[in-house]
N, C-alpha and C. Protein backbone atom coordinates (compact mmCIF):
# COMPACT_ATOMS: atom_id res chain seq x y z
N UNK A 1 108.61 80.50 161.10
CA UNK A 1 108.35 79.42 160.16
C UNK A 1 108.50 79.97 158.74
N UNK A 2 109.37 79.36 157.96
CA UNK A 2 109.57 79.75 156.57
C UNK A 2 108.65 78.92 155.69
N UNK A 3 107.73 79.58 154.99
CA UNK A 3 106.80 78.86 154.14
C UNK A 3 106.74 79.48 152.76
N UNK A 4 106.49 78.64 151.77
CA UNK A 4 106.36 79.10 150.40
C UNK A 4 105.30 78.22 149.74
N UNK A 5 104.29 78.83 149.12
CA UNK A 5 103.20 78.09 148.50
C UNK A 5 103.44 78.00 147.00
N UNK A 6 103.30 76.79 146.46
CA UNK A 6 103.43 76.54 145.03
C UNK A 6 102.19 75.79 144.58
N UNK A 7 101.72 76.09 143.38
CA UNK A 7 100.55 75.41 142.84
C UNK A 7 100.95 74.60 141.63
N UNK A 8 100.55 73.33 141.60
CA UNK A 8 100.77 72.46 140.46
C UNK A 8 99.43 72.14 139.83
N UNK A 9 99.37 72.19 138.52
CA UNK A 9 98.15 71.84 137.80
C UNK A 9 98.37 70.54 137.07
N UNK A 10 97.50 69.57 137.32
CA UNK A 10 97.55 68.28 136.64
C UNK A 10 96.19 68.06 136.03
N UNK A 11 96.14 68.11 134.69
CA UNK A 11 94.88 68.03 133.96
C UNK A 11 93.97 69.12 134.50
N UNK A 12 92.81 68.78 135.05
CA UNK A 12 91.90 69.82 135.54
C UNK A 12 92.01 70.01 137.05
N UNK A 13 92.99 69.37 137.67
CA UNK A 13 93.13 69.43 139.12
C UNK A 13 94.29 70.33 139.53
N UNK A 14 94.13 70.97 140.67
CA UNK A 14 95.17 71.82 141.23
C UNK A 14 95.62 71.23 142.56
N UNK A 15 96.92 71.09 142.73
CA UNK A 15 97.47 70.62 144.00
C UNK A 15 98.43 71.68 144.51
N UNK A 16 98.14 72.18 145.70
CA UNK A 16 98.99 73.19 146.31
C UNK A 16 100.02 72.50 147.21
N UNK A 17 101.25 72.98 147.13
CA UNK A 17 102.33 72.43 147.93
C UNK A 17 102.94 73.58 148.72
N UNK A 18 103.12 73.37 150.00
CA UNK A 18 103.72 74.37 150.87
C UNK A 18 105.11 73.87 151.25
N UNK A 19 106.11 74.71 151.01
CA UNK A 19 107.46 74.34 151.42
C UNK A 19 107.70 74.91 152.81
N UNK A 20 107.96 74.02 153.75
CA UNK A 20 108.20 74.43 155.13
C UNK A 20 109.58 73.91 155.53
N UNK A 21 110.47 74.84 155.84
CA UNK A 21 111.84 74.48 156.22
C UNK A 21 112.47 73.54 155.19
N UNK A 22 112.22 73.81 153.92
CA UNK A 22 112.83 73.05 152.84
C UNK A 22 112.16 71.73 152.50
N UNK A 23 111.09 71.38 153.19
CA UNK A 23 110.38 70.12 152.95
C UNK A 23 109.01 70.39 152.35
N UNK A 24 108.58 69.58 151.37
CA UNK A 24 107.25 69.79 150.78
C UNK A 24 106.15 69.22 151.66
N UNK A 25 105.09 69.99 151.84
CA UNK A 25 103.87 69.55 152.51
C UNK A 25 102.73 69.84 151.54
N UNK A 26 101.85 68.88 151.37
CA UNK A 26 100.81 68.96 150.37
C UNK A 26 99.48 69.29 151.04
N UNK A 27 98.69 70.19 150.42
CA UNK A 27 97.38 70.54 150.98
C UNK A 27 96.48 69.32 150.85
N UNK A 28 96.03 68.81 152.00
CA UNK A 28 95.30 67.54 152.05
C UNK A 28 94.05 67.54 151.18
N UNK A 29 93.28 68.62 151.19
CA UNK A 29 92.04 68.63 150.42
C UNK A 29 92.31 68.49 148.92
N UNK A 30 93.41 69.08 148.43
CA UNK A 30 93.76 68.96 147.01
C UNK A 30 94.16 67.53 146.66
N UNK A 31 94.98 66.91 147.52
CA UNK A 31 95.46 65.55 147.28
C UNK A 31 94.29 64.57 147.32
N UNK A 32 93.42 64.72 148.30
CA UNK A 32 92.28 63.82 148.45
C UNK A 32 91.35 63.92 147.25
N UNK A 33 91.14 65.13 146.77
CA UNK A 33 90.29 65.31 145.58
C UNK A 33 90.95 64.67 144.36
N UNK A 34 92.25 64.87 144.18
CA UNK A 34 92.96 64.32 143.03
C UNK A 34 92.96 62.79 143.04
N UNK A 35 92.99 62.19 144.22
CA UNK A 35 93.06 60.74 144.34
C UNK A 35 91.69 60.08 144.46
N UNK A 36 90.63 60.89 144.56
CA UNK A 36 89.29 60.32 144.67
C UNK A 36 89.04 59.64 146.00
N UNK A 37 89.65 60.15 147.07
CA UNK A 37 89.49 59.56 148.40
C UNK A 37 88.42 60.31 149.19
N UNK A 38 87.99 59.73 150.31
CA UNK A 38 87.06 60.41 151.20
C UNK A 38 87.80 61.53 151.93
N UNK A 39 87.06 62.58 152.27
CA UNK A 39 87.67 63.76 152.89
C UNK A 39 88.37 63.44 154.21
N UNK A 40 87.90 62.44 154.91
CA UNK A 40 88.48 62.12 156.22
C UNK A 40 89.70 61.20 156.14
N UNK A 41 90.09 60.81 154.95
CA UNK A 41 91.17 59.82 154.77
C UNK A 41 92.48 60.27 155.41
N UNK A 42 92.77 61.56 155.42
CA UNK A 42 94.03 62.05 155.99
C UNK A 42 94.12 61.77 157.49
N UNK A 43 93.00 61.60 158.15
CA UNK A 43 93.01 61.38 159.60
C UNK A 43 93.69 60.08 159.99
N UNK A 44 93.80 59.14 159.05
CA UNK A 44 94.44 57.85 159.33
C UNK A 44 95.96 57.94 159.29
N UNK A 45 96.49 59.07 158.87
CA UNK A 45 97.94 59.24 158.81
C UNK A 45 98.51 59.41 160.21
N UNK A 46 99.79 59.09 160.37
CA UNK A 46 100.47 59.32 161.64
C UNK A 46 100.52 60.81 161.93
N UNK A 47 100.63 61.16 163.20
CA UNK A 47 100.64 62.57 163.60
C UNK A 47 101.79 63.35 162.96
N UNK A 48 102.93 62.69 162.74
CA UNK A 48 104.06 63.42 162.15
C UNK A 48 103.94 63.52 160.63
N UNK A 49 102.86 62.99 160.06
CA UNK A 49 102.65 63.06 158.61
C UNK A 49 101.54 64.03 158.23
N UNK A 50 100.96 64.70 159.22
CA UNK A 50 99.91 65.68 158.96
C UNK A 50 100.06 66.83 159.94
N UNK A 51 99.56 67.97 159.53
CA UNK A 51 99.68 69.14 160.39
C UNK A 51 98.62 70.16 159.97
N UNK A 52 98.41 71.15 160.81
CA UNK A 52 97.54 72.26 160.48
C UNK A 52 98.41 73.47 160.18
N UNK A 53 98.04 74.21 159.17
CA UNK A 53 98.80 75.40 158.80
C UNK A 53 97.86 76.59 158.77
N UNK A 54 98.20 77.61 159.54
CA UNK A 54 97.40 78.83 159.53
C UNK A 54 97.60 79.55 158.21
N UNK A 55 96.52 80.02 157.64
CA UNK A 55 96.57 80.70 156.34
C UNK A 55 97.43 81.97 156.41
N UNK A 56 97.50 82.57 157.57
CA UNK A 56 98.30 83.79 157.73
C UNK A 56 99.78 83.53 157.45
N UNK A 57 100.25 82.30 157.68
CA UNK A 57 101.65 81.96 157.39
C UNK A 57 101.95 82.04 155.90
N UNK A 58 100.90 81.98 155.09
CA UNK A 58 101.07 82.05 153.63
C UNK A 58 100.70 83.43 153.10
N UNK A 59 100.41 84.34 153.99
CA UNK A 59 100.03 85.68 153.55
C UNK A 59 98.58 85.74 153.10
N UNK A 60 97.79 84.74 153.46
CA UNK A 60 96.38 84.70 153.08
C UNK A 60 95.52 85.23 154.21
N UNK A 61 94.27 85.58 153.88
CA UNK A 61 93.35 86.04 154.89
C UNK A 61 93.09 84.91 155.88
N UNK A 62 93.07 85.24 157.15
CA UNK A 62 92.89 84.22 158.19
C UNK A 62 91.54 83.55 158.03
N UNK A 63 91.50 82.27 158.26
CA UNK A 63 90.28 81.46 158.18
C UNK A 63 90.59 80.13 158.83
N UNK A 64 89.84 79.12 158.44
CA UNK A 64 90.12 77.79 158.99
C UNK A 64 91.51 77.37 158.56
N UNK A 65 92.27 76.77 159.46
CA UNK A 65 93.61 76.31 159.08
C UNK A 65 93.52 75.23 158.00
N UNK A 66 94.55 75.14 157.19
CA UNK A 66 94.61 74.13 156.15
C UNK A 66 95.29 72.89 156.72
N UNK A 67 94.75 71.73 156.38
CA UNK A 67 95.40 70.47 156.74
C UNK A 67 96.43 70.19 155.65
N UNK A 68 97.66 69.92 156.07
CA UNK A 68 98.72 69.60 155.12
C UNK A 68 99.31 68.24 155.49
N UNK A 69 99.82 67.54 154.47
CA UNK A 69 100.41 66.23 154.71
C UNK A 69 101.85 66.21 154.21
N UNK A 70 102.70 65.50 154.94
CA UNK A 70 104.11 65.37 154.57
C UNK A 70 104.24 64.45 153.37
N UNK A 71 105.43 64.39 152.81
CA UNK A 71 105.69 63.56 151.64
C UNK A 71 105.35 62.09 151.91
N UNK A 72 105.74 61.57 153.08
CA UNK A 72 105.43 60.17 153.40
C UNK A 72 103.92 59.97 153.51
N UNK A 73 103.21 60.96 154.03
CA UNK A 73 101.75 60.89 154.09
C UNK A 73 101.13 60.90 152.71
N UNK A 74 101.72 61.68 151.80
CA UNK A 74 101.24 61.69 150.42
C UNK A 74 101.34 60.30 149.81
N UNK A 75 102.48 59.64 150.02
CA UNK A 75 102.66 58.29 149.47
C UNK A 75 101.62 57.33 150.05
N UNK A 76 101.35 57.44 151.34
CA UNK A 76 100.35 56.56 151.95
C UNK A 76 98.97 56.81 151.35
N UNK A 77 98.64 58.07 151.11
CA UNK A 77 97.34 58.37 150.50
C UNK A 77 97.27 57.82 149.08
N UNK A 78 98.36 57.94 148.34
CA UNK A 78 98.39 57.39 146.98
C UNK A 78 98.18 55.88 147.02
N UNK A 79 98.78 55.23 147.99
CA UNK A 79 98.65 53.77 148.10
C UNK A 79 97.21 53.35 148.45
N UNK A 80 96.44 54.24 149.04
CA UNK A 80 95.05 53.92 149.39
C UNK A 80 94.08 54.17 148.25
N UNK A 81 94.50 54.89 147.24
CA UNK A 81 93.60 55.27 146.15
C UNK A 81 93.38 54.12 145.18
N UNK A 82 92.17 54.07 144.61
CA UNK A 82 91.84 53.08 143.59
C UNK A 82 91.84 53.68 142.19
N UNK A 83 92.22 54.95 142.06
CA UNK A 83 92.23 55.59 140.75
C UNK A 83 93.32 54.98 139.87
N UNK A 84 93.08 54.90 138.55
CA UNK A 84 94.08 54.30 137.64
C UNK A 84 95.45 54.97 137.72
N UNK A 85 95.51 56.28 137.83
CA UNK A 85 96.79 56.98 137.92
C UNK A 85 97.56 56.60 139.16
N UNK A 86 96.86 56.41 140.25
CA UNK A 86 97.52 56.00 141.50
C UNK A 86 97.95 54.54 141.41
N UNK A 87 97.22 53.73 140.68
CA UNK A 87 97.56 52.31 140.55
C UNK A 87 98.93 52.13 139.91
N UNK A 88 99.25 52.93 138.90
CA UNK A 88 100.57 52.83 138.26
C UNK A 88 101.67 53.11 139.28
N UNK A 89 101.46 54.11 140.12
CA UNK A 89 102.44 54.43 141.16
C UNK A 89 102.53 53.30 142.18
N UNK A 90 101.39 52.76 142.59
CA UNK A 90 101.36 51.65 143.54
C UNK A 90 102.13 50.45 142.99
N UNK A 91 101.89 50.13 141.72
CA UNK A 91 102.58 48.99 141.10
C UNK A 91 104.09 49.21 141.08
N UNK A 92 104.51 50.40 140.75
CA UNK A 92 105.94 50.71 140.70
C UNK A 92 106.58 50.50 142.08
N UNK A 93 105.93 51.02 143.12
CA UNK A 93 106.47 50.89 144.47
C UNK A 93 106.49 49.44 144.92
N UNK A 94 105.37 48.72 144.70
CA UNK A 94 105.27 47.36 145.24
C UNK A 94 105.94 46.29 144.38
N UNK A 95 106.07 46.53 143.09
CA UNK A 95 106.65 45.51 142.20
C UNK A 95 108.09 45.78 141.80
N UNK A 96 108.54 47.02 141.99
CA UNK A 96 109.91 47.34 141.57
C UNK A 96 110.75 47.87 142.73
N UNK A 97 110.31 48.96 143.35
CA UNK A 97 111.12 49.61 144.37
C UNK A 97 111.31 48.73 145.61
N UNK A 98 110.22 48.29 146.23
CA UNK A 98 110.33 47.51 147.46
C UNK A 98 111.04 46.17 147.25
N UNK A 99 110.73 45.40 146.17
CA UNK A 99 111.50 44.17 145.96
C UNK A 99 112.99 44.42 145.76
N UNK A 100 113.34 45.50 145.07
CA UNK A 100 114.75 45.83 144.86
C UNK A 100 115.43 46.14 146.19
N UNK A 101 114.76 46.89 147.04
CA UNK A 101 115.33 47.21 148.35
C UNK A 101 115.50 45.94 149.18
N UNK A 102 114.50 45.05 149.13
CA UNK A 102 114.58 43.80 149.89
C UNK A 102 115.72 42.92 149.39
N UNK A 103 115.91 42.85 148.07
CA UNK A 103 116.93 41.96 147.50
C UNK A 103 118.34 42.53 147.58
N UNK A 104 118.47 43.83 147.33
CA UNK A 104 119.81 44.42 147.22
C UNK A 104 120.14 45.41 148.32
N UNK A 105 119.16 45.82 149.08
CA UNK A 105 119.39 46.81 150.12
C UNK A 105 119.29 48.24 149.62
N UNK A 106 119.03 48.41 148.32
CA UNK A 106 118.89 49.76 147.78
C UNK A 106 118.06 49.70 146.50
N UNK A 107 117.67 50.88 146.05
CA UNK A 107 116.98 51.00 144.77
C UNK A 107 117.67 52.09 143.98
N UNK A 108 118.06 51.77 142.77
CA UNK A 108 118.69 52.78 141.93
C UNK A 108 117.95 52.83 140.61
N UNK A 109 117.89 54.02 140.08
CA UNK A 109 117.20 54.25 138.81
C UNK A 109 118.21 54.10 137.69
N UNK A 110 117.86 53.30 136.68
CA UNK A 110 118.74 53.15 135.52
C UNK A 110 118.69 54.45 134.72
N UNK A 111 119.85 54.85 134.22
CA UNK A 111 119.87 56.02 133.34
C UNK A 111 119.35 55.58 131.99
N UNK A 112 118.20 56.11 131.61
CA UNK A 112 117.63 55.78 130.33
C UNK A 112 117.53 57.04 129.51
N UNK A 113 117.78 56.91 128.24
CA UNK A 113 117.63 58.04 127.34
C UNK A 113 116.17 58.10 126.95
N UNK A 114 115.53 59.21 127.23
CA UNK A 114 114.13 59.39 126.90
C UNK A 114 114.00 60.62 126.02
N UNK A 115 113.09 60.58 125.05
CA UNK A 115 112.85 61.78 124.27
C UNK A 115 112.35 62.87 125.20
N UNK A 116 113.16 63.88 125.40
CA UNK A 116 112.79 64.88 126.38
C UNK A 116 113.57 66.16 126.15
N UNK A 117 113.30 67.12 127.01
CA UNK A 117 113.96 68.41 126.98
C UNK A 117 115.03 68.41 128.06
N UNK A 118 116.26 68.81 127.70
CA UNK A 118 117.32 68.86 128.71
C UNK A 118 117.09 70.02 129.64
N UNK A 119 117.50 69.85 130.85
CA UNK A 119 117.39 70.90 131.85
C UNK A 119 118.72 71.62 131.91
N UNK A 120 118.84 72.88 131.98
CA UNK A 120 117.77 73.85 132.00
C UNK A 120 117.31 74.22 130.59
N UNK A 121 116.09 74.62 130.49
CA UNK A 121 115.53 75.04 129.21
C UNK A 121 115.42 76.56 129.24
N UNK A 122 115.54 77.16 128.11
CA UNK A 122 115.44 78.61 128.06
C UNK A 122 114.02 79.00 127.74
N UNK A 123 113.70 80.26 127.94
CA UNK A 123 112.36 80.72 127.60
C UNK A 123 112.30 81.16 126.14
N UNK A 124 113.44 81.22 125.48
CA UNK A 124 113.49 81.59 124.08
C UNK A 124 113.07 80.37 123.26
N UNK A 125 112.03 80.52 122.47
CA UNK A 125 111.46 79.40 121.71
C UNK A 125 112.47 78.77 120.76
N UNK A 126 113.25 79.57 120.06
CA UNK A 126 114.20 79.00 119.10
C UNK A 126 115.32 78.24 119.82
N UNK A 127 115.77 78.72 120.96
CA UNK A 127 116.79 78.00 121.72
C UNK A 127 116.24 76.69 122.27
N UNK A 128 114.98 76.70 122.69
CA UNK A 128 114.34 75.48 123.17
C UNK A 128 114.29 74.44 122.07
N UNK A 129 113.89 74.85 120.89
CA UNK A 129 113.81 73.93 119.75
C UNK A 129 115.20 73.42 119.40
N UNK A 130 116.22 74.28 119.49
CA UNK A 130 117.59 73.86 119.20
C UNK A 130 118.04 72.79 120.20
N UNK A 131 117.73 72.98 121.50
CA UNK A 131 118.07 71.98 122.51
C UNK A 131 117.36 70.66 122.23
N UNK A 132 116.10 70.74 121.82
CA UNK A 132 115.36 69.53 121.51
C UNK A 132 115.97 68.81 120.30
N UNK A 133 116.39 69.57 119.31
CA UNK A 133 117.01 68.98 118.12
C UNK A 133 118.32 68.27 118.50
N UNK A 134 119.10 68.88 119.38
CA UNK A 134 120.35 68.25 119.83
C UNK A 134 120.06 66.95 120.57
N UNK A 135 119.03 66.95 121.40
CA UNK A 135 118.65 65.74 122.11
C UNK A 135 118.23 64.65 121.14
N UNK A 136 117.46 65.01 120.14
CA UNK A 136 117.02 64.04 119.14
C UNK A 136 118.21 63.51 118.35
N UNK A 137 119.18 64.37 118.03
CA UNK A 137 120.38 63.91 117.33
C UNK A 137 121.13 62.87 118.16
N UNK A 138 121.23 63.10 119.47
CA UNK A 138 121.90 62.12 120.33
C UNK A 138 121.15 60.80 120.36
N UNK A 139 119.82 60.88 120.41
CA UNK A 139 119.02 59.66 120.39
C UNK A 139 119.20 58.90 119.07
N UNK A 140 119.25 59.64 117.98
CA UNK A 140 119.45 59.02 116.67
C UNK A 140 120.80 58.31 116.62
N UNK A 141 121.83 58.95 117.15
CA UNK A 141 123.16 58.34 117.16
C UNK A 141 123.16 57.05 117.99
N UNK A 142 122.45 57.06 119.09
CA UNK A 142 122.35 55.86 119.92
C UNK A 142 121.63 54.73 119.19
N UNK A 143 120.57 55.08 118.47
CA UNK A 143 119.83 54.05 117.75
C UNK A 143 120.66 53.48 116.60
N UNK A 144 121.48 54.31 115.97
CA UNK A 144 122.27 53.87 114.82
C UNK A 144 123.36 52.89 115.23
N UNK A 145 123.94 53.06 116.42
CA UNK A 145 125.01 52.17 116.86
C UNK A 145 124.82 51.84 118.34
N UNK A 146 123.98 50.84 118.65
CA UNK A 146 123.68 50.55 120.05
C UNK A 146 124.84 49.98 120.85
N UNK A 147 125.95 49.61 120.20
CA UNK A 147 127.10 49.07 120.92
C UNK A 147 127.94 50.16 121.56
N UNK A 148 127.72 51.39 121.16
CA UNK A 148 128.47 52.51 121.72
C UNK A 148 127.79 52.93 123.01
N UNK A 149 128.58 53.09 124.06
CA UNK A 149 128.06 53.58 125.32
C UNK A 149 128.25 55.08 125.36
N UNK A 150 127.18 55.79 125.61
CA UNK A 150 127.22 57.24 125.62
C UNK A 150 126.73 57.72 126.98
N UNK A 151 127.52 58.57 127.63
CA UNK A 151 127.08 59.19 128.87
C UNK A 151 126.23 60.39 128.50
N UNK A 152 125.04 60.47 129.04
CA UNK A 152 124.17 61.59 128.74
C UNK A 152 123.75 62.25 130.03
N UNK A 153 123.44 63.52 129.91
CA UNK A 153 122.90 64.24 131.06
C UNK A 153 121.50 63.70 131.33
N UNK A 154 121.05 63.78 132.59
CA UNK A 154 119.68 63.34 132.86
C UNK A 154 118.71 64.16 132.02
N UNK A 155 117.75 63.51 131.45
CA UNK A 155 116.75 64.17 130.62
C UNK A 155 115.42 64.15 131.34
N UNK A 156 114.64 65.18 131.09
CA UNK A 156 113.31 65.24 131.69
C UNK A 156 112.32 65.60 130.59
N UNK A 157 111.07 65.24 130.81
CA UNK A 157 110.05 65.58 129.84
C UNK A 157 109.70 67.06 129.98
N UNK A 158 109.03 67.57 128.98
CA UNK A 158 108.62 68.97 128.99
C UNK A 158 107.72 69.25 130.20
N UNK A 159 106.80 68.31 130.49
CA UNK A 159 105.91 68.49 131.63
C UNK A 159 106.69 68.47 132.95
N UNK A 160 107.70 67.60 133.05
CA UNK A 160 108.51 67.57 134.27
C UNK A 160 109.26 68.88 134.45
N UNK A 161 109.77 69.43 133.34
CA UNK A 161 110.46 70.71 133.42
C UNK A 161 109.51 71.78 133.96
N UNK A 162 108.31 71.83 133.40
CA UNK A 162 107.35 72.83 133.86
C UNK A 162 107.04 72.66 135.35
N UNK A 163 106.84 71.42 135.76
CA UNK A 163 106.52 71.16 137.17
C UNK A 163 107.68 71.52 138.09
N UNK A 164 108.90 71.21 137.66
CA UNK A 164 110.08 71.48 138.49
C UNK A 164 110.37 72.97 138.61
N UNK A 165 110.19 73.71 137.53
CA UNK A 165 110.55 75.12 137.53
C UNK A 165 109.37 76.05 137.78
N UNK A 166 108.17 75.50 137.69
CA UNK A 166 106.95 76.29 137.84
C UNK A 166 106.85 77.37 136.76
N UNK A 167 107.48 77.11 135.61
CA UNK A 167 107.37 78.00 134.46
C UNK A 167 106.58 77.24 133.40
N UNK A 168 105.44 77.77 133.04
CA UNK A 168 104.56 77.07 132.14
C UNK A 168 104.45 77.82 130.82
N UNK A 169 104.56 77.08 129.73
CA UNK A 169 104.40 77.65 128.40
C UNK A 169 103.00 77.31 127.95
N UNK A 170 102.24 78.30 127.54
CA UNK A 170 100.84 78.09 127.19
C UNK A 170 100.59 78.35 125.72
N UNK A 171 99.46 77.88 125.27
CA UNK A 171 98.90 78.21 123.98
C UNK A 171 99.76 77.87 122.78
N UNK A 172 99.78 78.78 121.79
CA UNK A 172 100.45 78.50 120.52
C UNK A 172 101.95 78.24 120.66
N UNK A 173 102.62 78.92 121.58
CA UNK A 173 104.06 78.70 121.76
C UNK A 173 104.33 77.28 122.21
N UNK A 174 103.57 76.80 123.17
CA UNK A 174 103.72 75.43 123.66
C UNK A 174 103.47 74.44 122.54
N UNK A 175 102.40 74.65 121.80
CA UNK A 175 102.05 73.73 120.73
C UNK A 175 103.13 73.73 119.65
N UNK A 176 103.68 74.91 119.35
CA UNK A 176 104.74 75.00 118.33
C UNK A 176 105.98 74.22 118.77
N UNK A 177 106.36 74.37 120.04
CA UNK A 177 107.53 73.65 120.55
C UNK A 177 107.29 72.14 120.48
N UNK A 178 106.12 71.69 120.91
CA UNK A 178 105.82 70.26 120.89
C UNK A 178 105.76 69.72 119.46
N UNK A 179 105.08 70.45 118.56
CA UNK A 179 104.98 70.01 117.16
C UNK A 179 106.34 69.94 116.50
N UNK A 180 107.18 70.93 116.75
CA UNK A 180 108.52 70.95 116.15
C UNK A 180 109.35 69.78 116.67
N UNK A 181 109.27 69.51 117.96
CA UNK A 181 110.02 68.39 118.53
C UNK A 181 109.57 67.06 117.94
N UNK A 182 108.26 66.86 117.85
CA UNK A 182 107.73 65.62 117.28
C UNK A 182 108.16 65.50 115.82
N UNK A 183 108.11 66.61 115.08
CA UNK A 183 108.52 66.60 113.67
C UNK A 183 109.99 66.26 113.50
N UNK A 184 110.84 66.88 114.32
CA UNK A 184 112.28 66.59 114.25
C UNK A 184 112.56 65.13 114.58
N UNK A 185 111.90 64.63 115.61
CA UNK A 185 112.11 63.24 116.00
C UNK A 185 111.62 62.29 114.91
N UNK A 186 110.45 62.57 114.36
CA UNK A 186 109.89 61.70 113.32
C UNK A 186 110.79 61.68 112.09
N UNK A 187 111.34 62.84 111.74
CA UNK A 187 112.25 62.94 110.59
C UNK A 187 113.48 62.05 110.80
N UNK A 188 113.87 61.88 112.05
CA UNK A 188 115.06 61.06 112.36
C UNK A 188 114.68 59.63 112.75
N UNK A 189 113.41 59.26 112.55
CA UNK A 189 113.00 57.89 112.80
C UNK A 189 112.67 57.56 114.24
N UNK A 190 112.42 58.57 115.06
CA UNK A 190 112.08 58.34 116.47
C UNK A 190 110.62 58.71 116.66
N UNK A 191 109.85 57.78 117.20
CA UNK A 191 108.43 58.01 117.42
C UNK A 191 108.24 58.53 118.85
N UNK A 192 107.77 59.75 118.97
CA UNK A 192 107.50 60.33 120.28
C UNK A 192 106.01 60.27 120.54
N UNK A 193 105.61 59.54 121.54
CA UNK A 193 104.19 59.49 121.91
C UNK A 193 103.92 60.65 122.84
N UNK A 194 102.85 61.40 122.58
CA UNK A 194 102.51 62.52 123.44
C UNK A 194 101.41 62.14 124.36
């Protein structure tokens, strides 16, 4: 069994994800805590959406096996949560994704230009700021002449980049990058909400 453990931090919560044979499985106790659900909530999932994982498979000291849930099980748990953060996800699935699939047979995401950091980002602070400035320049050009169609690379937010690459910028460097980006955007008439 090929396994790899990754930890994601969201606000004050930690969610561990185990990659098994290329598929993400989420540690049930972390997900349940993040969603404010009862500890036994994972038991309602289908058998193919939950599993037990021996800690030894992750190189950890042997103990009680960890309950893990598949991606589809994660979505079901999110749909059961009453937390405000989960509600936004529930609304998106029930008001946009599912109706689109019912009406058209598919769901596609519109390419939208968002104030963000292009992927890949470098670890060099000055290069990161340069990439952000280029992105802001493209946004400014789009705002100046909305009749022009511009093909852009997919953009992601700084937080999405960190989550995708598991590379986190902390402290003063992070704040400097964010402040510089907001300043560059503001100078060009783009309001970036943080």
